[in-house]
Amino acid sequence: MARIGTVEKSLSADELHEFCRHLASLPNLTLETMREEAAKLGIELSHGAASRFKNGTFAAHLDHLRRAKELVMQIEQFGGADAGASIADAGATVLMQQVYDTLTSGEPIDFDTFSKIISRLRSGDHRLRELNAKLAEYKRREEEWQRKEQEREETKKRSLAALQSGGGLSDEALAKIESILGSL
């Protein structure tokens, strides 16, 4: 289990996250700057404590930011019509990375949370398969409708041509038949 240092003991989880975010935004961060920023929050850090924080909690925060940046770049590369599925896949990847990180950290494991994560990932996969099946069915129906519509238009043209070549019908009668066929 990771050592809980001075900074971690002094701040809540949200405050610690905000402090790490603030430190990450500072240019040319040094241990001395880190100690000064901690002092602004009323935390007295020795050089050794600042070094342990930098190499422990803060390094983990930077690693998390790096992975998030990589994820954003991967999602941007996907783009296109499948962007929704890609984002879901990326989200699943992040969840699995968090599960892996926790399992390898040596910290206590909350199996209930992990089972919920795995269940949600599996239900997401199931929903994606269902959506893909529905999409395939809608495409099949559209193709069938287009085929029938094309057949109907060809039948109308043949019927109209047969009437026109049959003679005996006035131009008015042909116009009326054409308008009726056009409305079908």
Protein backbone atom coordinates (compact mmCIF):
# COMPACT_ATOMS: atom_id res chain seq x y z
CA MET A 1 0.00 0.00 0.00
CA ALA A 2 1.24 3.50 -0.81
CA ARG A 3 2.58 5.57 2.04
CA ILE A 4 0.23 8.34 3.16
CA GLY A 5 2.34 11.47 3.39
CA THR A 6 1.93 14.91 4.87
CA VAL A 7 0.05 16.36 1.92
CA GLU A 8 -2.31 13.39 1.66
CA LYS A 9 -3.07 13.57 5.40
CA SER A 10 -3.70 17.31 5.28
CA LEU A 11 -6.13 17.48 2.35
CA SER A 12 -9.43 15.88 1.43
CA ALA A 13 -9.54 13.81 -1.76
CA ASP A 14 -11.02 16.73 -3.73
CA GLU A 15 -8.52 19.20 -2.30
CA LEU A 16 -5.66 16.80 -3.07
CA HIS A 17 -6.85 16.43 -6.65
CA GLU A 18 -7.13 20.20 -7.02
CA PHE A 19 -3.66 20.70 -5.49
CA CYS A 20 -2.15 18.18 -7.94
CA ARG A 21 -4.01 19.84 -10.83
CA HIS A 22 -2.65 23.22 -9.73
CA LEU A 23 0.91 21.91 -9.45
CA ALA A 24 0.67 20.29 -12.88
CA SER A 25 -0.25 23.66 -14.39
CA LEU A 26 2.85 25.39 -13.01
CA PRO A 27 5.79 25.83 -15.39
CA ASN A 28 9.21 24.58 -14.29
CA LEU A 29 7.94 22.95 -11.11
CA THR A 30 10.66 22.36 -8.55
CA LEU A 31 10.56 20.82 -5.09
CA GLU A 32 10.97 24.29 -3.63
CA THR A 33 8.00 25.58 -5.63
CA MET A 34 6.01 22.56 -4.50
CA ARG A 35 6.89 23.32 -0.85
CA GLU A 36 5.87 26.98 -1.34
CA GLU A 37 2.52 26.02 -2.87
CA ALA A 38 1.88 23.58 0.00
CA ALA A 39 2.75 26.34 2.51
CA LYS A 40 0.01 28.51 0.93
CA LEU A 41 -2.41 25.81 2.06
CA GLY A 42 -0.89 25.71 5.54
CA ILE A 43 1.07 22.50 4.93
CA GLU A 44 4.68 22.49 6.07
CA LEU A 45 6.70 20.13 3.86
CA SER A 46 10.28 19.08 4.36
CA HIS A 47 12.45 18.56 1.32
CA GLY A 48 12.13 14.78 1.76
CA ALA A 49 8.33 14.93 2.13
CA ALA A 50 8.07 17.05 -1.01
CA SER A 51 10.24 14.56 -2.86
CA ARG A 52 8.10 11.60 -1.70
CA PHE A 53 4.93 13.46 -2.72
CA LYS A 54 6.44 14.31 -6.11
CA ASN A 55 7.47 10.71 -6.78
CA GLY A 56 4.29 9.16 -5.35
CA THR A 57 0.90 10.85 -5.43
CA PHE A 58 1.89 13.64 -7.83
CA ALA A 59 3.60 11.21 -10.23
CA ALA A 60 0.42 9.09 -10.22
CA HIS A 61 -1.62 12.22 -11.00
CA LEU A 62 0.67 13.08 -13.92
CA ASP A 63 0.44 9.50 -15.19
CA HIS A 64 -3.36 9.74 -15.02
CA LEU A 65 -3.25 12.99 -17.03
CA ARG A 66 -0.94 11.39 -19.60
CA ARG A 67 -3.28 8.42 -20.06
CA ALA A 68 -6.29 10.75 -20.35
CA LYS A 69 -4.49 12.77 -23.02
CA GLU A 70 -3.66 9.57 -24.94
CA LEU A 71 -7.30 8.52 -24.71
CA VAL A 72 -8.50 11.86 -26.09
CA MET A 73 -6.07 11.51 -29.00
CA GLN A 74 -7.32 7.97 -29.71
CA ILE A 75 -10.94 9.10 -29.67
CA GLU A 76 -10.15 11.99 -32.01
CA GLN A 77 -8.51 9.53 -34.42
CA PHE A 78 -11.66 7.38 -34.55
CA GLY A 79 -14.12 10.13 -35.50
CA GLY A 80 -16.61 9.50 -38.29
CA ALA A 81 -19.86 7.57 -38.11
CA ASP A 82 -18.56 5.13 -35.52
CA ALA A 83 -17.50 7.86 -33.07
CA GLY A 84 -20.24 6.90 -30.59
CA ALA A 85 -19.07 3.31 -30.42
CA SER A 86 -15.46 4.48 -30.26
CA ILE A 87 -16.21 6.71 -27.30
CA ALA A 88 -17.96 3.84 -25.55
CA ASP A 89 -14.98 1.60 -26.30
CA ALA A 90 -12.63 4.26 -24.98
CA GLY A 91 -14.73 4.60 -21.81
CA ALA A 92 -14.61 0.85 -21.32
CA THR A 93 -10.84 0.98 -21.77
CA VAL A 94 -10.56 3.66 -19.09
CA LEU A 95 -12.68 1.61 -16.67
CA MET A 96 -10.60 -1.49 -17.31
CA GLN A 97 -7.40 0.53 -16.78
CA GLN A 98 -8.76 1.75 -13.44
CA VAL A 99 -9.62 -1.81 -12.44
CA TYR A 100 -6.12 -2.94 -13.40
CA ASP A 101 -4.49 -0.03 -11.56
CA THR A 102 -6.44 -0.84 -8.39
CA LEU A 103 -5.72 -4.55 -8.60
CA THR A 104 -1.99 -3.93 -8.99
CA SER A 105 -1.75 -1.14 -6.40
CA GLY A 106 -1.89 -3.45 -3.40
CA GLU A 107 -4.72 -1.42 -1.89
CA PRO A 108 -7.91 -3.06 -0.61
CA ILE A 109 -10.18 -4.19 -3.42
CA ASP A 110 -13.88 -3.37 -3.55
CA PHE A 111 -15.23 -6.42 -5.39
CA ASP A 112 -18.76 -5.01 -5.41
CA THR A 113 -17.60 -1.99 -7.40
CA PHE A 114 -15.60 -4.13 -9.80
CA SER A 115 -18.50 -6.49 -10.38
CA LYS A 116 -20.69 -3.48 -11.20
CA ILE A 117 -18.08 -2.16 -13.64
CA ILE A 118 -17.79 -5.53 -15.38
CA SER A 119 -21.58 -5.89 -15.48
CA ARG A 120 -21.96 -2.46 -17.05
CA LEU A 121 -19.26 -3.18 -19.61
CA ARG A 122 -20.96 -6.44 -20.55
CA SER A 123 -24.39 -4.80 -20.78
CA GLY A 124 -22.86 -2.09 -22.96
CA ASP A 125 -21.46 -4.77 -25.26
CA HIS A 126 -24.87 -6.44 -25.35
CA ARG A 127 -26.61 -3.15 -26.20
CA LEU A 128 -24.07 -2.48 -28.94
CA ARG A 129 -24.72 -5.91 -30.48
CA GLU A 130 -28.49 -5.26 -30.32
CA LEU A 131 -28.10 -1.85 -31.94
CA ASN A 132 -25.93 -3.30 -34.70
CA ALA A 133 -28.54 -6.02 -35.33
CA LYS A 134 -31.33 -3.41 -35.50
CA LEU A 135 -29.25 -1.27 -37.84
CA ALA A 136 -28.68 -4.25 -40.14
CA GLU A 137 -32.43 -5.00 -40.11
CA TYR A 138 -33.27 -1.36 -40.93
CA LYS A 139 -30.79 -1.42 -43.82
CA ARG A 140 -32.32 -4.65 -45.11
CA ARG A 141 -35.83 -3.12 -44.90
CA GLU A 142 -34.68 0.03 -46.68
CA GLU A 143 -33.14 -2.00 -49.51
CA GLU A 144 -36.34 -4.07 -49.80
CA TRP A 145 -38.47 -0.90 -49.89
CA GLN A 146 -36.21 0.66 -52.55
CA ARG A 147 -36.40 -2.53 -54.64
CA LYS A 148 -40.22 -2.58 -54.42
CA GLU A 149 -40.44 1.15 -55.18
CA GLN A 150 -38.28 0.65 -58.26
CA GLU A 151 -40.48 -2.27 -59.40
CA ARG A 152 -43.61 -0.13 -58.87
CA GLU A 153 -42.17 2.75 -60.92
CA GLU A 154 -41.22 0.36 -63.73
CA THR A 155 -44.73 -1.16 -63.71
CA LYS A 156 -46.28 2.34 -63.90
CA LYS A 157 -44.06 3.25 -66.85
CA ARG A 158 -44.86 0.00 -68.69
CA SER A 159 -48.60 0.42 -68.07
CA LEU A 160 -48.57 4.03 -69.26
CA ALA A 161 -46.56 3.10 -72.36
CA ALA A 162 -49.01 0.28 -73.10
CA LEU A 163 -51.96 2.65 -72.81
CA GLN A 164 -50.30 5.25 -75.03
CA SER A 165 -49.42 2.74 -77.73
CA GLY A 166 -52.86 1.09 -77.60
CA GLY A 167 -54.55 4.02 -79.32
CA GLY A 168 -58.19 4.84 -78.92
CA LEU A 169 -57.69 6.97 -75.81
CA SER A 170 -57.94 10.71 -75.97
CA ASP A 171 -55.15 12.96 -74.75
CA GLU A 172 -57.41 14.04 -71.88
CA ALA A 173 -57.98 10.43 -70.82
CA LEU A 174 -54.23 9.73 -70.98
CA ALA A 175 -53.48 12.86 -68.90
CA LYS A 176 -56.03 11.77 -66.31
CA ILE A 177 -54.54 8.26 -66.16
CA GLU A 178 -51.01 9.70 -65.84
CA SER A 179 -52.07 11.93 -62.93
CA ILE A 180 -53.72 8.99 -61.19
CA LEU A 181 -50.64 6.80 -61.70
CA GLY A 182 -48.42 9.65 -60.54
CA SER A 183 -50.27 9.84 -57.24
CA LEU A 184 -49.73 6.14 -56.52
